[in-house]
Amino acid sequence: MQAVLIAVVTSLASIVRSRLALQIEILALRHQLAVYHRAGRRPQLQPADRLLWAWLSRRWSAWREALVIVQPRTVISWQRKRFREHWARLSHQGQRGRPPVAKEIRELIRKMSAANPTWGS
């Protein structure tokens, strides 16, 4: 009886919701069904699945209610991990360390140091 009552209330609430919100919810639920059918007993999420849920969590306010296959905090941890990896990848581009000094400049420094022994510490 309780399940029937919940179904009736949910269908009445869907009349008020926008068509876009309903389509997004259908997309989310169908995706979860596809993951269950693909994986069998225990669903194995692929990077594309994680990306979809990270995107849905940013664009759709009711994503937590439709999410069944993982906990919402898991999706948030995926987002944080992607954010850290993104900035780590950006900060490690190019050469690491101090840029090399040209041979001519090193020779000039040595020549000036030998010519002026009282300079420096």
C-alpha atoms as a PDB file:
ATOM      1  CA  MET A   1       0.000   0.000   0.000  1.00  0.00           C
ATOM      2  CA  GLN A   2       2.820   2.362   0.851  1.00  0.00           C
ATOM      3  CA  ALA A   3       4.522   1.758  -2.515  1.00  0.00           C
ATOM      4  CA  VAL A   4       1.282   2.587  -4.367  1.00  0.00           C
ATOM      5  CA  LEU A   5       0.878   5.797  -2.372  1.00  0.00           C
ATOM      6  CA  ILE A   6       4.464   6.827  -3.135  1.00  0.00           C
ATOM      7  CA  ALA A   7       3.929   6.115  -6.845  1.00  0.00           C
ATOM      8  CA  VAL A   8       0.780   8.247  -6.928  1.00  0.00           C
ATOM      9  CA  VAL A   9       2.395  11.159  -5.103  1.00  0.00           C
ATOM     10  CA  THR A  10       5.461  10.957  -7.352  1.00  0.00           C
ATOM     11  CA  SER A  11       3.381  10.991 -10.509  1.00  0.00           C
ATOM     12  CA  LEU A  12       1.392  13.987  -9.262  1.00  0.00           C
ATOM     13  CA  ALA A  13       4.631  15.810  -8.472  1.00  0.00           C
ATOM     14  CA  SER A  14       5.911  15.078 -11.976  1.00  0.00           C
ATOM     15  CA  ILE A  15       3.064  17.128 -13.445  1.00  0.00           C
ATOM     16  CA  VAL A  16       4.499  20.252 -11.813  1.00  0.00           C
ATOM     17  CA  ARG A  17       8.127  19.590 -12.814  1.00  0.00           C
ATOM     18  CA  SER A  18       9.545  20.819 -16.072  1.00  0.00           C
ATOM     19  CA  ARG A  19      10.011  18.561 -19.058  1.00  0.00           C
ATOM     20  CA  LEU A  20      13.790  19.063 -18.958  1.00  0.00           C
ATOM     21  CA  ALA A  21      13.987  17.924 -15.319  1.00  0.00           C
ATOM     22  CA  LEU A  22      12.004  14.794 -16.171  1.00  0.00           C
ATOM     23  CA  GLN A  23      14.235  14.018 -19.151  1.00  0.00           C
ATOM     24  CA  ILE A  24      17.375  14.411 -17.044  1.00  0.00           C
ATOM     25  CA  GLU A  25      15.946  12.106 -14.390  1.00  0.00           C
ATOM     26  CA  ILE A  26      15.051   9.521 -17.038  1.00  0.00           C
ATOM     27  CA  LEU A  27      18.593   9.771 -18.416  1.00  0.00           C
ATOM     28  CA  ALA A  28      20.066   9.217 -14.946  1.00  0.00           C
ATOM     29  CA  LEU A  29      17.850   6.245 -14.149  1.00  0.00           C
ATOM     30  CA  ARG A  30      18.412   4.616 -17.539  1.00  0.00           C
ATOM     31  CA  HIS A  31      22.132   5.043 -17.150  1.00  0.00           C
ATOM     32  CA  GLN A  32      22.049   3.261 -13.813  1.00  0.00           C
ATOM     33  CA  LEU A  33      20.021   0.422 -15.355  1.00  0.00           C
ATOM     34  CA  ALA A  34      22.557   0.126 -18.161  1.00  0.00           C
ATOM     35  CA  VAL A  35      25.391  -0.079 -15.626  1.00  0.00           C
ATOM     36  CA  TYR A  36      23.570  -2.851 -13.756  1.00  0.00           C
ATOM     37  CA  HIS A  37      22.896  -4.790 -16.963  1.00  0.00           C
ATOM     38  CA  ARG A  38      26.468  -4.381 -18.124  1.00  0.00           C
ATOM     39  CA  ALA A  39      28.080  -5.448 -14.848  1.00  0.00           C
ATOM     40  CA  GLY A  40      25.796  -8.084 -13.386  1.00  0.00           C
ATOM     41  CA  ARG A  41      25.871  -8.542  -9.619  1.00  0.00           C
ATOM     42  CA  ARG A  42      28.264  -5.763  -8.605  1.00  0.00           C
ATOM     43  CA  PRO A  43      28.424  -2.764 -10.960  1.00  0.00           C
ATOM     44  CA  GLN A  44      31.868  -1.685 -12.135  1.00  0.00           C
ATOM     45  CA  LEU A  45      31.875   1.973 -13.070  1.00  0.00           C
ATOM     46  CA  GLN A  46      34.006   3.176 -15.937  1.00  0.00           C
ATOM     47  CA  PRO A  47      35.534   6.656 -16.271  1.00  0.00           C
ATOM     48  CA  ALA A  48      32.711   7.711 -18.606  1.00  0.00           C
ATOM     49  CA  ASP A  49      30.157   6.773 -15.927  1.00  0.00           C
ATOM     50  CA  ARG A  50      32.007   8.828 -13.349  1.00  0.00           C
ATOM     51  CA  LEU A  51      32.211  11.753 -15.744  1.00  0.00           C
ATOM     52  CA  LEU A  52      28.458  11.616 -16.409  1.00  0.00           C
ATOM     53  CA  TRP A  53      27.614  11.703 -12.701  1.00  0.00           C
ATOM     54  CA  ALA A  54      30.102  14.470 -12.011  1.00  0.00           C
ATOM     55  CA  TRP A  55      28.492  16.494 -14.818  1.00  0.00           C
ATOM     56  CA  LEU A  56      24.963  15.728 -13.587  1.00  0.00           C
ATOM     57  CA  SER A  57      25.863  16.782 -10.047  1.00  0.00           C
ATOM     58  CA  ARG A  58      26.916  20.187 -11.374  1.00  0.00           C
ATOM     59  CA  ARG A  59      23.932  20.727 -13.673  1.00  0.00           C
ATOM     60  CA  TRP A  60      21.018  19.090 -11.874  1.00  0.00           C
ATOM     61  CA  SER A  61      19.934  19.928  -8.339  1.00  0.00           C
ATOM     62  CA  ALA A  62      18.020  16.676  -7.675  1.00  0.00           C
ATOM     63  CA  TRP A  63      20.845  14.292  -8.647  1.00  0.00           C
ATOM     64  CA  ARG A  64      21.181  12.907  -5.104  1.00  0.00           C
ATOM     65  CA  GLU A  65      17.613  11.556  -5.094  1.00  0.00           C
ATOM     66  CA  ALA A  66      18.047   9.663  -8.370  1.00  0.00           C
ATOM     67  CA  LEU A  67      21.469   8.211  -7.559  1.00  0.00           C
ATOM     68  CA  VAL A  68      21.301   4.566  -6.471  1.00  0.00           C
ATOM     69  CA  ILE A  69      24.450   2.795  -7.673  1.00  0.00           C
ATOM     70  CA  VAL A  70      26.898   4.808  -5.516  1.00  0.00           C
ATOM     71  CA  GLN A  71      26.654   7.219  -2.617  1.00  0.00           C
ATOM     72  CA  PRO A  72      26.568  10.958  -3.361  1.00  0.00           C
ATOM     73  CA  ARG A  73      29.771  11.555  -1.412  1.00  0.00           C
ATOM     74  CA  THR A  74      31.516   9.173  -3.811  1.00  0.00           C
ATOM     75  CA  VAL A  75      30.562  11.387  -6.750  1.00  0.00           C
ATOM     76  CA  ILE A  76      31.870  14.423  -4.890  1.00  0.00           C
ATOM     77  CA  SER A  77      35.155  12.616  -4.200  1.00  0.00           C
ATOM     78  CA  TRP A  78      35.436  11.861  -7.947  1.00  0.00           C
ATOM     79  CA  GLN A  79      35.045  15.570  -8.672  1.00  0.00           C
ATOM     80  CA  ARG A  80      37.715  16.493  -6.127  1.00  0.00           C
ATOM     81  CA  LYS A  81      40.088  13.889  -7.536  1.00  0.00           C
ATOM     82  CA  ARG A  82      39.556  15.163 -11.097  1.00  0.00           C
ATOM     83  CA  PHE A  83      40.158  18.736  -9.894  1.00  0.00           C
ATOM     84  CA  ARG A  84      43.442  17.763  -8.191  1.00  0.00           C
ATOM     85  CA  GLU A  85      44.611  15.771 -11.230  1.00  0.00           C
ATOM     86  CA  HIS A  86      43.731  18.622 -13.575  1.00  0.00           C
ATOM     87  CA  TRP A  87      45.797  21.182 -11.669  1.00  0.00           C
ATOM     88  CA  ALA A  88      48.646  18.732 -11.103  1.00  0.00           C
ATOM     89  CA  ARG A  89      48.786  18.099 -14.847  1.00  0.00           C
ATOM     90  CA  LEU A  90      48.792  21.843 -15.578  1.00  0.00           C
ATOM     91  CA  SER A  91      51.512  22.604 -13.054  1.00  0.00           C
ATOM     92  CA  HIS A  92      53.839  19.830 -14.292  1.00  0.00           C
ATOM     93  CA  GLN A  93      53.869  20.827 -17.939  1.00  0.00           C
ATOM     94  CA  GLY A  94      57.187  21.779 -19.460  1.00  0.00           C
ATOM     95  CA  GLN A  95      60.614  21.273 -17.946  1.00  0.00           C
ATOM     96  CA  ARG A  96      61.095  20.905 -14.230  1.00  0.00           C
ATOM     97  CA  GLY A  97      63.693  22.695 -12.160  1.00  0.00           C
ATOM     98  CA  ARG A  98      65.866  25.660 -12.856  1.00  0.00           C
ATOM     99  CA  PRO A  99      66.490  26.471 -16.523  1.00  0.00           C
ATOM    100  CA  PRO A 100      70.061  25.788 -17.674  1.00  0.00           C
ATOM    101  CA  VAL A 101      72.558  28.663 -17.798  1.00  0.00           C
ATOM    102  CA  ALA A 102      74.443  29.180 -21.051  1.00  0.00           C
ATOM    103  CA  LYS A 103      78.129  28.163 -21.118  1.00  0.00           C
ATOM    104  CA  GLU A 104      79.240  31.716 -22.022  1.00  0.00           C
ATOM    105  CA  ILE A 105      77.513  33.150 -18.971  1.00  0.00           C
ATOM    106  CA  ARG A 106      79.090  30.527 -16.671  1.00  0.00           C
ATOM    107  CA  GLU A 107      82.535  31.353 -18.076  1.00  0.00           C
ATOM    108  CA  LEU A 108      81.893  35.085 -17.577  1.00  0.00           C
ATOM    109  CA  ILE A 109      80.877  34.495 -13.937  1.00  0.00           C
ATOM    110  CA  ARG A 110      84.043  32.461 -13.294  1.00  0.00           C
ATOM    111  CA  LYS A 111      86.202  35.103 -15.011  1.00  0.00           C
ATOM    112  CA  MET A 112      84.645  37.930 -12.936  1.00  0.00           C
ATOM    113  CA  SER A 113      85.023  35.886  -9.749  1.00  0.00           C
ATOM    114  CA  ALA A 114      88.714  35.227 -10.441  1.00  0.00           C
ATOM    115  CA  ALA A 115      89.373  38.886 -11.371  1.00  0.00           C
ATOM    116  CA  ASN A 116      87.668  40.255  -8.244  1.00  0.00           C
ATOM    117  CA  PRO A 117      88.456  38.002  -5.220  1.00  0.00           C
ATOM    118  CA  THR A 118      87.153  40.568  -2.707  1.00  0.00           C
ATOM    119  CA  TRP A 119      83.583  40.408  -4.076  1.00  0.00           C
ATOM    120  CA  GLY A 120      81.071  38.078  -2.473  1.00  0.00           C
ATOM    121  CA  SER A 121      81.137  36.522   0.958  1.00  0.00           C
END
